[in-house]
Protein backbone atom coordinates (compact mmCIF):
# COMPACT_ATOMS: atom_id res chain seq x y z
CA MET A 1 142.83 -101.93 -115.42
CA ARG A 2 143.23 -103.46 -111.89
CA LYS A 3 144.14 -99.87 -110.87
CA LEU A 4 141.23 -98.46 -112.50
CA PHE A 5 138.67 -101.06 -110.77
CA SER A 6 140.22 -100.25 -107.41
CA VAL A 7 140.02 -96.62 -107.68
CA PHE A 8 136.39 -97.02 -108.89
CA THR A 9 135.65 -99.10 -105.66
CA ALA A 10 137.31 -96.87 -103.65
CA LEU A 11 135.16 -94.05 -104.91
CA PHE A 12 132.48 -95.41 -104.31
CA LEU A 13 132.93 -96.69 -100.85
CA LEU A 14 133.83 -93.36 -99.95
CA SER A 15 130.98 -91.66 -101.49
CA CYS A 16 127.98 -93.58 -101.81
CA GLU A 17 125.10 -92.76 -99.44
CA SER A 18 122.08 -94.49 -98.22
CA THR A 19 119.20 -91.56 -97.41
CA ASP A 20 117.78 -94.22 -94.90
CA ASN A 21 119.05 -92.58 -91.87
CA ALA A 22 120.14 -88.95 -93.41
CA LEU A 23 119.04 -86.31 -91.37
CA PRO A 24 118.57 -82.65 -92.29
CA LYS A 25 121.41 -80.21 -90.48
CA SER A 26 120.35 -77.00 -91.58
CA VAL A 27 117.63 -74.74 -90.04
CA GLY A 28 114.36 -74.69 -91.45
CA SER A 29 111.33 -76.89 -91.34
CA THR A 30 112.68 -80.33 -91.07
CA ASN A 31 109.05 -81.83 -92.22
CA GLU A 32 109.35 -80.13 -95.37
CA LYS A 33 113.14 -81.30 -96.09
CA ASN A 34 112.28 -84.75 -95.08
CA ALA A 35 109.25 -84.62 -97.54
CA SER A 36 111.37 -83.13 -100.54
CA ALA A 37 114.37 -85.94 -100.09
CA ASN A 38 111.89 -88.52 -99.85
CA SER A 39 109.75 -87.20 -102.95
CA ASN A 40 113.31 -86.87 -104.81
CA HIS A 41 114.46 -90.14 -103.62
CA THR A 42 111.38 -91.82 -104.59
CA GLU A 43 111.48 -89.95 -108.01
CA ASN A 44 115.19 -91.26 -108.09
CA GLN A 45 114.17 -94.83 -107.45
CA ASP A 46 111.54 -95.15 -109.78
CA ARG A 47 113.91 -93.90 -112.65
CA ILE A 48 116.59 -95.94 -111.87
CA GLU A 49 114.35 -99.05 -111.34
CA LYS A 50 112.88 -98.61 -114.74
CA LYS A 51 116.30 -98.10 -116.32
CA TYR A 52 118.16 -100.93 -114.19
CA GLY A 53 115.97 -103.01 -112.67
CA ALA A 54 115.27 -103.71 -108.75
CA GLN A 55 117.96 -101.63 -106.76
CA TRP A 56 119.95 -103.80 -103.92
CA ASP A 57 120.14 -102.37 -100.73
CA PHE A 58 123.29 -100.65 -99.21
CA CYS A 59 124.77 -102.90 -97.47
CA ASP A 60 124.46 -105.61 -100.18
CA CYS A 61 126.30 -102.92 -102.79
CA VAL A 62 129.03 -102.40 -99.87
CA LYS A 63 129.61 -105.82 -99.43
CA LYS A 64 129.48 -106.91 -102.80
CA ASN A 65 132.03 -104.00 -104.04
CA ASP A 66 134.28 -104.78 -101.28
CA SER A 67 134.69 -108.63 -102.28
CA LEU A 68 135.20 -107.56 -105.82
CA ASP A 69 137.85 -105.02 -104.57
CA LYS A 70 139.58 -107.57 -102.22
CA ILE A 71 139.85 -110.39 -105.41
CA LEU A 72 141.44 -107.75 -107.48
CA LYS A 73 143.69 -107.04 -104.85
CA LYS A 74 144.92 -110.52 -103.48
CA THR A 75 144.81 -112.54 -106.58
CA ALA A 76 146.77 -112.67 -109.61
CA LEU A 77 143.96 -113.05 -112.35
CA SER A 78 144.51 -113.90 -116.12
CA ASP A 79 143.10 -111.70 -118.73
CA ALA A 80 140.25 -113.74 -118.76
CA GLU A 81 139.64 -113.75 -115.52
CA THR A 82 139.94 -110.11 -115.08
CA GLU A 83 137.31 -109.46 -117.54
CA LEU A 84 134.85 -111.82 -116.30
CA LEU A 85 135.40 -109.56 -112.68
CA LEU A 86 135.08 -106.61 -114.60
CA ILE A 87 131.80 -107.61 -116.30
CA ARG A 88 130.37 -108.62 -112.61
CA ALA A 89 131.65 -105.08 -111.13
CA ASP A 90 129.34 -103.76 -114.06
CA GLU A 91 126.10 -105.79 -112.97
CA VAL A 92 126.86 -104.75 -109.46
CA GLU A 93 126.94 -101.21 -110.41
CA LYS A 94 123.78 -101.60 -112.23
CA LYS A 95 122.36 -102.74 -109.15
CA CYS A 96 123.60 -100.23 -107.17
CA LYS A 97 122.71 -97.36 -109.08
CA LEU A 98 120.50 -95.79 -106.42
CA LEU A 99 123.32 -95.24 -104.17
CA LEU A 100 125.19 -93.48 -106.76
CA THR A 101 122.79 -90.65 -107.66
CA ASP A 102 122.04 -90.25 -104.09
CA LEU A 103 125.21 -89.24 -103.15
CA GLN A 104 124.97 -86.22 -105.42
CA SER A 105 122.70 -84.53 -102.98
CA LYS A 106 124.78 -85.07 -100.15
CA LYS A 107 126.98 -82.65 -97.83
CA PRO A 108 130.80 -83.65 -97.21
CA SER A 109 130.06 -83.39 -93.55
CA ASP A 110 127.85 -86.51 -93.95
CA ARG A 111 131.03 -88.43 -94.82
CA ALA A 112 131.61 -89.88 -90.98
CA ALA A 113 127.90 -91.32 -90.44
CA HIS A 114 128.79 -92.96 -94.16
CA GLN A 115 131.92 -94.29 -93.35
CA ALA A 116 130.50 -95.58 -89.59
CA LYS A 117 127.70 -97.03 -92.12
CA ILE A 118 129.91 -98.87 -94.35
CA LYS A 119 132.26 -100.46 -91.32
CA ALA A 120 128.94 -101.67 -89.91
CA CYS A 121 128.15 -103.39 -93.09
CA LEU A 122 131.43 -105.18 -93.26
CA GLU A 123 131.25 -105.94 -89.76
CA GLY A 124 128.13 -107.90 -90.27
CA ASN A 125 126.13 -105.33 -88.16
């Protein structure tokens, strides 16, 4: 169970992306692409918030997932404690759905910027 949760957390941290600072890199009308991306983001946000409630911001999601992952890696937990931790992980996942769905529209070339953003969140900047 720990391995599964660790894999989920690692994938989440490596793959989730916030659209707040994302810039389109392809040639074309930047304004049109930004408007389209903002429209898609807003539609996703509305749909997700109706189903899961208000979503946390990027850094909150990163910090909470990192905290859960550290507890799983460093602490010998009983089955009951592991179950409680996994329940908490499900709660965190529901509040971070927007970041996970925004990931689907991102390119692999955005990974370095994404990793820098994660690092900044974890360092408290």
